[in-house]
N, C-alpha and C. Protein backbone atom coordinates (compact mmCIF):
# COMPACT_ATOMS: atom_id res chain seq x y z
N MET A 1 91.07 138.81 75.33
CA MET A 1 92.25 139.61 75.12
C MET A 1 91.84 140.97 74.57
N ALA A 2 92.42 142.01 75.08
CA ALA A 2 92.08 143.37 74.67
C ALA A 2 92.69 143.68 73.31
N ASP A 3 92.13 144.71 72.65
CA ASP A 3 92.66 145.13 71.35
C ASP A 3 94.00 145.84 71.52
N THR A 4 94.07 146.72 72.51
CA THR A 4 95.32 147.44 72.78
C THR A 4 95.61 147.40 74.27
N ILE A 5 96.87 147.67 74.60
CA ILE A 5 97.25 147.77 76.00
C ILE A 5 97.96 149.10 76.21
N LYS A 6 97.76 149.66 77.40
CA LYS A 6 98.43 150.90 77.78
C LYS A 6 99.58 150.54 78.68
N ILE A 7 100.77 151.01 78.34
CA ILE A 7 101.97 150.74 79.12
C ILE A 7 102.52 152.06 79.62
N THR A 8 102.69 152.19 80.93
CA THR A 8 103.17 153.42 81.55
C THR A 8 104.47 153.14 82.29
N LEU A 9 105.47 154.00 82.08
CA LEU A 9 106.74 153.88 82.79
C LEU A 9 106.58 154.51 84.17
N VAL A 10 106.67 153.70 85.22
CA VAL A 10 106.44 154.20 86.58
C VAL A 10 107.71 154.23 87.43
N ARG A 11 108.78 153.57 86.97
CA ARG A 11 110.06 153.61 87.69
C ARG A 11 111.16 153.96 86.71
N SER A 12 112.17 154.63 87.19
CA SER A 12 113.25 155.10 86.34
C SER A 12 114.07 153.94 85.78
N TYR A 13 114.62 154.14 84.59
CA TYR A 13 115.47 153.13 83.99
C TYR A 13 116.95 153.38 84.26
N TYR A 14 117.27 154.44 84.99
CA TYR A 14 118.67 154.70 85.34
C TYR A 14 119.20 153.59 86.23
N GLY A 15 120.40 153.14 85.94
CA GLY A 15 121.02 152.08 86.72
C GLY A 15 120.51 150.69 86.40
N ARG A 16 119.67 150.57 85.38
CA ARG A 16 119.13 149.26 85.00
C ARG A 16 120.02 148.60 83.95
N LEU A 17 119.76 147.36 83.67
CA LEU A 17 120.52 146.64 82.67
C LEU A 17 120.33 147.25 81.29
N PRO A 18 121.38 147.24 80.48
CA PRO A 18 121.25 147.78 79.11
C PRO A 18 120.14 147.10 78.31
N LYS A 19 119.94 145.81 78.55
CA LYS A 19 118.87 145.08 77.86
C LYS A 19 117.50 145.67 78.19
N HIS A 20 117.29 146.01 79.45
CA HIS A 20 116.01 146.59 79.87
C HIS A 20 115.84 147.98 79.28
N ARG A 21 116.92 148.75 79.18
CA ARG A 21 116.85 150.07 78.57
C ARG A 21 116.45 149.98 77.10
N ARG A 22 117.01 148.99 76.41
CA ARG A 22 116.68 148.80 74.99
C ARG A 22 115.21 148.41 74.82
N ILE A 23 114.71 147.60 75.72
CA ILE A 23 113.30 147.19 75.65
C ILE A 23 112.40 148.40 75.84
N LEU A 24 112.71 149.24 76.83
CA LEU A 24 111.90 150.43 77.08
C LEU A 24 111.93 151.37 75.88
N LYS A 25 113.09 151.53 75.27
CA LYS A 25 113.21 152.40 74.09
C LYS A 25 112.39 151.84 72.93
N ALA A 26 112.43 150.52 72.76
CA ALA A 26 111.66 149.87 71.69
C ALA A 26 110.15 150.05 71.91
N LEU A 27 109.74 150.09 73.17
CA LEU A 27 108.32 150.31 73.48
C LEU A 27 107.94 151.77 73.33
N GLY A 28 108.92 152.66 73.25
CA GLY A 28 108.64 154.08 73.11
C GLY A 28 108.54 154.81 74.43
N LEU A 29 109.07 154.21 75.48
CA LEU A 29 109.02 154.81 76.81
C LEU A 29 110.38 155.43 77.13
N THR A 30 110.46 156.75 77.05
CA THR A 30 111.73 157.43 77.25
C THR A 30 111.73 158.32 78.50
N LYS A 31 110.57 158.67 79.01
CA LYS A 31 110.50 159.53 80.19
C LYS A 31 109.50 158.96 81.19
N MET A 32 109.70 159.32 82.44
CA MET A 32 108.83 158.84 83.51
C MET A 32 107.38 159.28 83.27
N HIS A 33 106.46 158.43 83.64
CA HIS A 33 105.02 158.66 83.60
C HIS A 33 104.48 158.88 82.19
N ARG A 34 105.24 158.48 81.19
CA ARG A 34 104.75 158.50 79.83
C ARG A 34 103.96 157.23 79.59
N THR A 35 102.90 157.35 78.81
CA THR A 35 102.06 156.20 78.49
C THR A 35 102.03 156.02 76.99
N VAL A 36 102.14 154.78 76.55
CA VAL A 36 102.02 154.45 75.14
C VAL A 36 100.94 153.39 74.99
N GLU A 37 100.27 153.42 73.86
CA GLU A 37 99.28 152.39 73.54
C GLU A 37 99.84 151.53 72.42
N LYS A 38 99.86 150.25 72.65
CA LYS A 38 100.39 149.30 71.67
C LYS A 38 99.36 148.23 71.38
N LYS A 39 99.43 147.65 70.18
CA LYS A 39 98.57 146.53 69.87
C LYS A 39 98.91 145.37 70.80
N ASP A 40 97.88 144.69 71.23
CA ASP A 40 98.08 143.57 72.15
C ASP A 40 98.45 142.33 71.36
N ASN A 41 99.72 141.96 71.42
CA ASN A 41 100.18 140.73 70.78
C ASN A 41 101.26 140.12 71.66
N PRO A 42 101.62 138.87 71.41
CA PRO A 42 102.58 138.19 72.27
C PRO A 42 103.94 138.88 72.36
N ALA A 43 104.40 139.53 71.29
CA ALA A 43 105.70 140.19 71.30
C ALA A 43 105.70 141.36 72.29
N ILE A 44 104.67 142.19 72.23
CA ILE A 44 104.58 143.34 73.13
C ILE A 44 104.36 142.87 74.56
N ARG A 45 103.54 141.86 74.74
CA ARG A 45 103.32 141.30 76.09
C ARG A 45 104.63 140.79 76.68
N GLY A 46 105.43 140.12 75.87
CA GLY A 46 106.71 139.60 76.34
C GLY A 46 107.66 140.70 76.73
N MET A 47 107.71 141.78 75.95
CA MET A 47 108.57 142.91 76.26
C MET A 47 108.13 143.55 77.58
N ALA A 48 106.83 143.72 77.75
CA ALA A 48 106.31 144.32 78.97
C ALA A 48 106.58 143.43 80.18
N GLU A 49 106.56 142.13 79.98
CA GLU A 49 106.82 141.20 81.08
C GLU A 49 108.29 141.27 81.52
N LYS A 50 109.20 141.48 80.58
CA LYS A 50 110.62 141.57 80.91
C LYS A 50 110.94 142.77 81.80
N VAL A 51 110.18 143.85 81.63
CA VAL A 51 110.42 145.06 82.42
C VAL A 51 109.22 145.36 83.33
N SER A 52 108.57 144.31 83.79
CA SER A 52 107.36 144.47 84.60
C SER A 52 107.61 145.21 85.90
N HIS A 53 108.84 145.20 86.37
CA HIS A 53 109.18 145.91 87.61
C HIS A 53 109.31 147.42 87.38
N LEU A 54 109.27 147.85 86.12
CA LEU A 54 109.42 149.27 85.78
C LEU A 54 108.14 149.88 85.19
N VAL A 55 107.22 149.07 84.74
CA VAL A 55 106.05 149.58 84.02
C VAL A 55 104.75 149.10 84.65
N ARG A 56 103.66 149.79 84.29
CA ARG A 56 102.31 149.36 84.66
C ARG A 56 101.57 149.10 83.35
N VAL A 57 100.92 147.96 83.25
CA VAL A 57 100.21 147.56 82.03
C VAL A 57 98.71 147.52 82.33
N GLU A 58 97.94 148.19 81.45
CA GLU A 58 96.48 148.19 81.58
C GLU A 58 95.89 147.75 80.25
N GLU A 59 94.88 146.89 80.34
CA GLU A 59 94.20 146.45 79.12
C GLU A 59 93.15 147.48 78.75
N LYS A 60 93.07 147.74 77.45
CA LYS A 60 92.10 148.71 76.94
C LYS A 60 91.35 148.06 75.81
N GLN A 61 90.04 148.29 75.77
CA GLN A 61 89.24 147.67 74.72
C GLN A 61 88.71 148.65 73.74
């Protein structure tokens, strides 16, 4: 398991469920093609999995 993961917003959140919008905001993704680095833990992995159709996740060591 990597120390951190890079999460990039690759699809727009317009027209998506309010729950998915809240998840993206909690991850710190507010604009297209923005990338955030988060600690790799089950909570962040779960959030990224819920919006996997909108983001790209890369493991970073």
